[in-house]
Amino acid sequence: MEYQKLILDFETKLESLESRSDDILYKAENGISNAEKCIKMLRKRVVQNGFKTKTEEISFFKHIKPQIFSRLIYYVRLFNIESKRPRSSSKFQIKYLNNHINKLQMFFNENLEFYHYYRRGATILDEQYFVRGKSDLRLPTGSFHFFIDDQFSTSQDTTVATIMAYDMLIVYLQQEIEKLQAFKDTKPNSMKNSSSTLFWTGSKTDLIELIYALHSSGVINSGTADIKKLASPLEQIFNINLGNYYHTFIEIRARKTSKTKFLDKLITSLHKRLDDSDYS
């Protein structure tokens, strides 16, 4: 069965996504969406066409499916890590990222026997590990059980995908730590040295709501500037640290009443001023 075109199209989309934006959360969200679509397409083909030989089935579940599934795991974990990442000093960010590296390493330690089997390129147990219908040797990894079913899973294809994903994550986190170490504490210093005499006296949530409104409207750099590039200069201008603004955005999105409370207030205030000017 031919899967290379499907994988090539998927990889092309991811390359385009990686080059199109610096916003890591935007990349993660779209990466998740693309990976889920590709996995569903793979599953449909497998269920409809099956495999001609056990060798073909082993090759698919050992090499092909993990290429796509590992990206789903990678982007889900990346989103969770980055959306909760503190935006305080470099010291605390480095500690946070190192803690996640340690957690990822624990997975390798907990699956050491299979990890060594996979890493050394062994094949003797492939029929047990990568053919459907064999007894499960371990539980599904993390929260990805919703993609595991008898027709599209073996006992260890998820473990292979997780090893690949965690390898990528550790490299990413190490690179982020290196960046923070190279520019340690530059952001807090630059805020202290800011010459702006303006101070944001509303809530942080109000300013974040405004930033997302500006971003959504596409009126800055024709919509090509990401959230971070909009937020950073406003933090400097208004002498404020907005913290984890993406997490705040999630809270705004979850509001039960008006999701645009601050923008509504601005509109009301401006209308009142315009009305008052008519009578002055």
Protein backbone atom coordinates (compact mmCIF):
# COMPACT_ATOMS: atom_id res chain seq x y z
CA MET A 1 0.00 0.00 0.00
CA GLU A 2 1.21 3.49 -0.85
CA TYR A 3 1.35 5.93 2.04
CA GLN A 4 4.29 8.07 0.98
CA LYS A 5 2.22 10.71 -0.81
CA LEU A 6 0.00 11.15 2.24
CA ILE A 7 3.04 11.51 4.51
CA LEU A 8 4.75 13.88 2.07
CA ASP A 9 1.66 16.12 1.92
CA PHE A 10 1.50 16.09 5.72
CA GLU A 11 5.18 17.00 6.09
CA THR A 12 4.80 19.79 3.51
CA LYS A 13 1.93 21.30 5.50
CA LEU A 14 3.98 21.20 8.69
CA GLU A 15 6.98 22.83 7.00
CA SER A 16 4.73 25.61 5.72
CA LEU A 17 3.24 26.01 9.21
CA GLU A 18 6.67 26.20 10.86
CA SER A 19 7.87 28.89 8.44
CA ARG A 20 4.68 30.95 8.46
CA SER A 21 4.55 32.05 12.09
CA ASP A 22 6.71 32.50 15.19
CA ASP A 23 3.74 31.93 17.48
CA ILE A 24 4.44 28.52 19.02
CA LEU A 25 0.88 28.05 20.29
CA TYR A 26 -0.53 28.81 16.85
CA LYS A 27 1.85 26.21 15.40
CA ALA A 28 0.86 23.65 18.02
CA GLU A 29 -2.89 24.12 17.50
CA ASN A 30 -2.60 23.79 13.73
CA GLY A 31 -0.13 20.93 14.04
CA ILE A 32 -2.65 19.03 16.18
CA SER A 33 -5.40 19.65 13.63
CA ASN A 34 -3.26 18.50 10.67
CA ALA A 35 -2.02 15.40 12.51
CA GLU A 36 -5.53 14.35 13.54
CA LYS A 37 -6.78 14.66 9.94
CA CYS A 38 -3.86 12.63 8.61
CA ILE A 39 -4.29 9.89 11.24
CA LYS A 40 -7.98 9.57 10.39
CA MET A 41 -7.10 9.23 6.69
CA LEU A 42 -4.52 6.55 7.50
CA ARG A 43 -7.02 4.65 9.62
CA LYS A 44 -9.63 4.73 6.86
CA ARG A 45 -7.17 3.23 4.37
CA VAL A 46 -6.04 0.53 6.79
CA VAL A 47 -9.59 -0.50 7.69
CA GLN A 48 -10.69 -0.55 4.04
CA ASN A 49 -7.63 -2.20 2.48
CA GLY A 50 -5.96 -4.15 5.26
CA PHE A 51 -2.48 -5.63 4.66
CA LYS A 52 -1.33 -8.29 2.20
CA THR A 53 1.33 -9.72 4.52
CA LYS A 54 2.43 -9.56 8.14
CA THR A 55 5.65 -7.91 6.99
CA GLU A 56 3.63 -5.09 5.45
CA GLU A 57 1.56 -4.74 8.62
CA ILE A 58 4.66 -4.65 10.84
CA SER A 59 6.27 -2.02 8.63
CA PHE A 60 3.18 0.17 8.81
CA PHE A 61 2.79 0.06 12.59
CA LYS A 62 6.50 0.24 13.34
CA HIS A 63 7.48 2.98 10.91
CA ILE A 64 4.60 4.69 9.06
CA LYS A 65 1.88 5.31 11.65
CA PRO A 66 4.38 6.52 14.30
CA GLN A 67 5.66 9.19 11.88
CA ILE A 68 2.26 10.88 12.01
CA PHE A 69 1.11 9.89 15.50
CA SER A 70 4.38 11.17 17.01
CA ARG A 71 3.60 14.64 15.63
CA LEU A 72 0.19 14.60 17.30
CA ILE A 73 1.76 13.67 20.64
CA TYR A 74 4.50 16.28 20.12
CA TYR A 75 2.12 19.15 19.38
CA VAL A 76 -0.32 18.25 22.18
CA ARG A 77 2.51 18.12 24.74
CA LEU A 78 4.09 21.26 23.29
CA PHE A 79 0.81 23.16 23.56
CA ASN A 80 0.34 22.08 27.17
CA ILE A 81 3.90 23.05 28.12
CA GLU A 82 3.97 26.41 26.36
CA SER A 83 0.46 27.51 27.34
CA LYS A 84 1.41 27.13 31.02
CA ARG A 85 4.96 28.44 30.68
CA PRO A 86 5.69 31.26 33.16
CA ARG A 87 6.63 34.59 31.66
CA SER A 88 8.65 35.73 34.64
CA SER A 89 12.45 35.74 34.90
CA SER A 90 14.68 33.48 32.81
CA LYS A 91 15.62 31.62 35.99
CA PHE A 92 12.05 30.44 36.63
CA GLN A 93 11.44 29.63 32.96
CA ILE A 94 14.61 27.51 32.84
CA LYS A 95 13.52 25.66 35.98
CA TYR A 96 10.07 25.07 34.47
CA LEU A 97 11.49 23.72 31.19
CA ASN A 98 14.04 21.51 32.96
CA ASN A 99 11.25 19.99 35.06
CA HIS A 100 9.45 19.01 31.87
CA ILE A 101 12.62 17.48 30.40
CA ASN A 102 12.93 15.35 33.55
CA LYS A 103 9.30 14.22 33.22
CA LEU A 104 9.87 13.23 29.59
CA GLN A 105 13.02 11.32 30.53
CA MET A 106 11.01 9.37 33.10
CA PHE A 107 8.99 7.84 30.26
CA PHE A 108 12.16 6.35 28.78
CA ASN A 109 13.15 4.94 32.19
CA GLU A 110 9.70 3.44 32.73
CA ASN A 111 9.79 1.76 29.29
CA LEU A 112 13.48 0.90 29.31
CA GLU A 113 13.24 -2.65 27.99
CA PHE A 114 11.22 -1.69 24.92
CA TYR A 115 13.20 1.54 24.52
CA HIS A 116 16.42 -0.46 24.14
CA TYR A 117 14.69 -2.93 21.79
CA TYR A 118 13.55 -0.10 19.53
CA ARG A 119 16.79 1.87 19.72
CA ARG A 120 19.03 -1.03 18.72
CA GLY A 121 16.80 -1.85 15.73
CA ALA A 122 15.82 -5.30 16.98
CA THR A 123 13.18 -7.26 15.06
CA ILE A 124 12.77 -10.59 16.88
CA LEU A 125 9.61 -9.48 18.73
CA ASP A 126 8.15 -7.36 15.92
CA GLU A 127 5.26 -9.76 15.31
CA GLN A 128 4.27 -9.48 18.98
CA TYR A 129 4.70 -5.70 19.08
CA PHE A 130 3.44 -4.55 15.68
CA VAL A 131 0.72 -6.94 14.51
CA ARG A 132 -2.88 -6.24 15.46
CA GLY A 133 -4.72 -8.62 17.75
CA LYS A 134 -1.73 -9.54 19.90
CA SER A 135 -2.10 -9.22 23.66
CA ASP A 136 -1.37 -5.78 25.05
CA LEU A 137 1.92 -5.72 26.94
CA ARG A 138 1.38 -2.32 28.50
CA LEU A 139 -1.26 0.35 28.88
CA PRO A 140 -1.75 3.08 26.27
CA THR A 141 0.51 6.10 26.65
CA GLY A 142 -0.81 9.21 28.39
CA SER A 143 -4.11 10.60 27.17
CA PHE A 144 -3.95 9.28 23.61
CA HIS A 145 -6.16 6.22 24.19
CA PHE A 146 -8.89 7.82 22.10
CA PHE A 147 -6.93 6.88 18.96
CA ILE A 148 -6.37 3.27 20.01
CA ASP A 149 -8.68 0.59 18.60
CA ASP A 150 -8.36 -3.02 17.50
CA GLN A 151 -8.43 -2.19 13.79
CA PHE A 152 -5.77 0.51 13.89
CA SER A 153 -3.47 -0.28 16.82
CA THR A 154 -0.91 -2.77 18.05
CA SER A 155 0.55 -3.17 21.51
CA GLN A 156 3.56 -0.92 20.88
CA ASP A 157 3.04 1.46 17.94
CA THR A 158 1.95 4.19 20.39
CA THR A 159 5.12 3.64 22.44
CA VAL A 160 7.27 4.12 19.32
CA ALA A 161 5.38 7.32 18.47
CA THR A 162 5.83 8.58 22.03
CA ILE A 163 9.59 7.92 21.94
CA MET A 164 9.85 9.90 18.69
CA ALA A 165 7.69 12.74 20.06
CA TYR A 166 9.58 13.02 23.33
CA ASP A 167 12.91 13.06 21.51
CA MET A 168 11.66 16.08 19.52
CA LEU A 169 10.28 17.75 22.64
CA ILE A 170 13.52 17.37 24.59
CA VAL A 171 15.48 18.94 21.71
CA TYR A 172 12.98 21.83 21.57
CA LEU A 173 13.09 22.41 25.34
CA GLN A 174 16.89 22.30 25.41
CA GLN A 175 17.03 24.90 22.63
CA GLU A 176 14.62 27.14 24.58
CA ILE A 177 16.79 26.81 27.69
CA GLU A 178 19.88 27.76 25.67
CA LYS A 179 18.11 30.89 24.40
CA LEU A 180 17.11 31.87 27.93
CA GLN A 181 20.63 31.32 29.24
CA ALA A 182 22.09 33.43 26.43
CA PHE A 183 19.77 36.35 27.17
CA LYS A 184 19.26 35.76 30.87
CA ASP A 185 16.97 38.29 32.55
CA THR A 186 17.10 40.74 29.60
CA LYS A 187 13.32 41.21 29.55
CA PRO A 188 12.93 42.29 33.19
CA ASN A 189 15.92 44.64 32.80
CA SER A 190 14.50 46.21 29.67
CA MET A 191 11.23 46.86 31.47
CA LYS A 192 13.09 48.49 34.35
CA ASN A 193 14.97 50.69 31.86
CA SER A 194 11.85 51.65 29.96
CA SER A 195 11.59 55.41 29.39
CA SER A 196 7.81 55.27 29.12
CA THR A 197 5.90 57.23 31.72
CA LEU A 198 2.62 55.52 30.82
CA PHE A 199 1.11 52.94 33.14
CA TRP A 200 -1.76 50.59 32.41
CA THR A 201 -4.22 51.14 35.24
CA GLY A 202 -6.87 48.72 34.06
CA SER A 203 -6.66 44.97 34.60
CA LYS A 204 -4.19 42.76 32.74
CA THR A 205 -7.15 40.86 31.32
CA ASP A 206 -8.52 44.07 29.76
CA LEU A 207 -5.25 44.76 27.96
CA ILE A 208 -4.96 41.16 26.78
CA GLU A 209 -8.51 41.35 25.41
CA LEU A 210 -7.52 44.49 23.50
CA ILE A 211 -4.36 42.84 22.14
CA TYR A 212 -6.31 39.86 20.83
CA ALA A 213 -8.86 42.21 19.25
CA LEU A 214 -6.07 44.06 17.42
CA HIS A 215 -4.53 40.75 16.34
CA SER A 216 -7.87 39.38 15.11
CA SER A 217 -8.65 42.54 13.12
CA GLY A 218 -5.45 42.25 11.05
CA VAL A 219 -4.80 46.00 11.27
CA ILE A 220 -1.13 45.62 12.34
CA ASN A 221 1.37 44.42 9.71
CA SER A 222 -1.61 43.26 7.64
CA GLY A 223 -2.33 40.58 10.25
CA THR A 224 1.09 38.92 10.02
CA ALA A 225 2.34 39.95 13.49
CA ASP A 226 1.83 37.25 16.10
CA ILE A 227 0.48 37.78 19.61
CA LYS A 228 3.92 37.88 21.24
CA LYS A 229 5.13 40.63 18.88
CA LEU A 230 2.04 42.70 19.73
CA ALA A 231 2.14 42.08 23.46
CA SER A 232 5.85 42.75 24.10
CA PRO A 233 5.96 46.42 23.01
CA LEU A 234 2.69 47.16 24.82
CA GLU A 235 4.19 45.71 27.98
CA GLN A 236 7.09 48.15 27.52
CA ILE A 237 4.89 51.14 26.74
CA PHE A 238 2.54 50.56 29.68
CA ASN A 239 5.18 49.25 32.14
CA ILE A 240 3.33 46.02 32.79
CA ASN A 241 4.10 42.30 32.74
CA LEU A 242 1.09 40.54 31.27
CA GLY A 243 2.16 37.10 32.43
CA ASN A 244 0.75 34.12 30.53
CA TYR A 245 -1.54 36.00 28.14
CA TYR A 246 -2.51 32.89 26.21
CA HIS A 247 -3.85 31.29 29.40
CA THR A 248 -5.78 34.51 30.08
CA PHE A 249 -7.22 34.33 26.55
CA ILE A 250 -8.54 30.84 27.34
CA GLU A 251 -10.26 32.29 30.41
CA ILE A 252 -11.75 35.10 28.29
CA ARG A 253 -13.00 32.55 25.79
CA ALA A 254 -14.67 30.58 28.60
CA ARG A 255 -16.71 33.54 29.90
CA LYS A 256 -20.37 32.71 30.39
CA THR A 257 -21.63 36.25 29.68
CA SER A 258 -19.96 38.75 27.34
CA LYS A 259 -16.68 37.46 25.95
CA THR A 260 -15.72 41.03 24.95
CA LYS A 261 -16.43 42.80 28.23
CA PHE A 262 -13.63 45.36 27.93
CA LEU A 263 -14.27 46.11 24.27
CA ASP A 264 -17.97 46.59 25.05
CA LYS A 265 -16.97 49.04 27.77
CA LEU A 266 -14.75 50.95 25.31
CA ILE A 267 -17.58 51.22 22.80
CA THR A 268 -19.99 52.47 25.47
CA SER A 269 -17.45 55.03 26.73
CA LEU A 270 -16.72 56.31 23.22
CA HIS A 271 -20.40 56.60 22.34
CA LYS A 272 -20.99 58.58 25.54
CA ARG A 273 -18.13 60.92 24.73
CA LEU A 274 -19.39 61.44 21.18
CA ASP A 275 -22.90 62.08 22.45
CA ASP A 276 -21.62 64.53 25.06
CA SER A 277 -19.60 66.35 22.39
CA ASP A 278 -22.77 66.92 20.38
CA TYR A 279 -24.13 69.06 23.20
CA SER A 280 -20.97 70.98 24.06
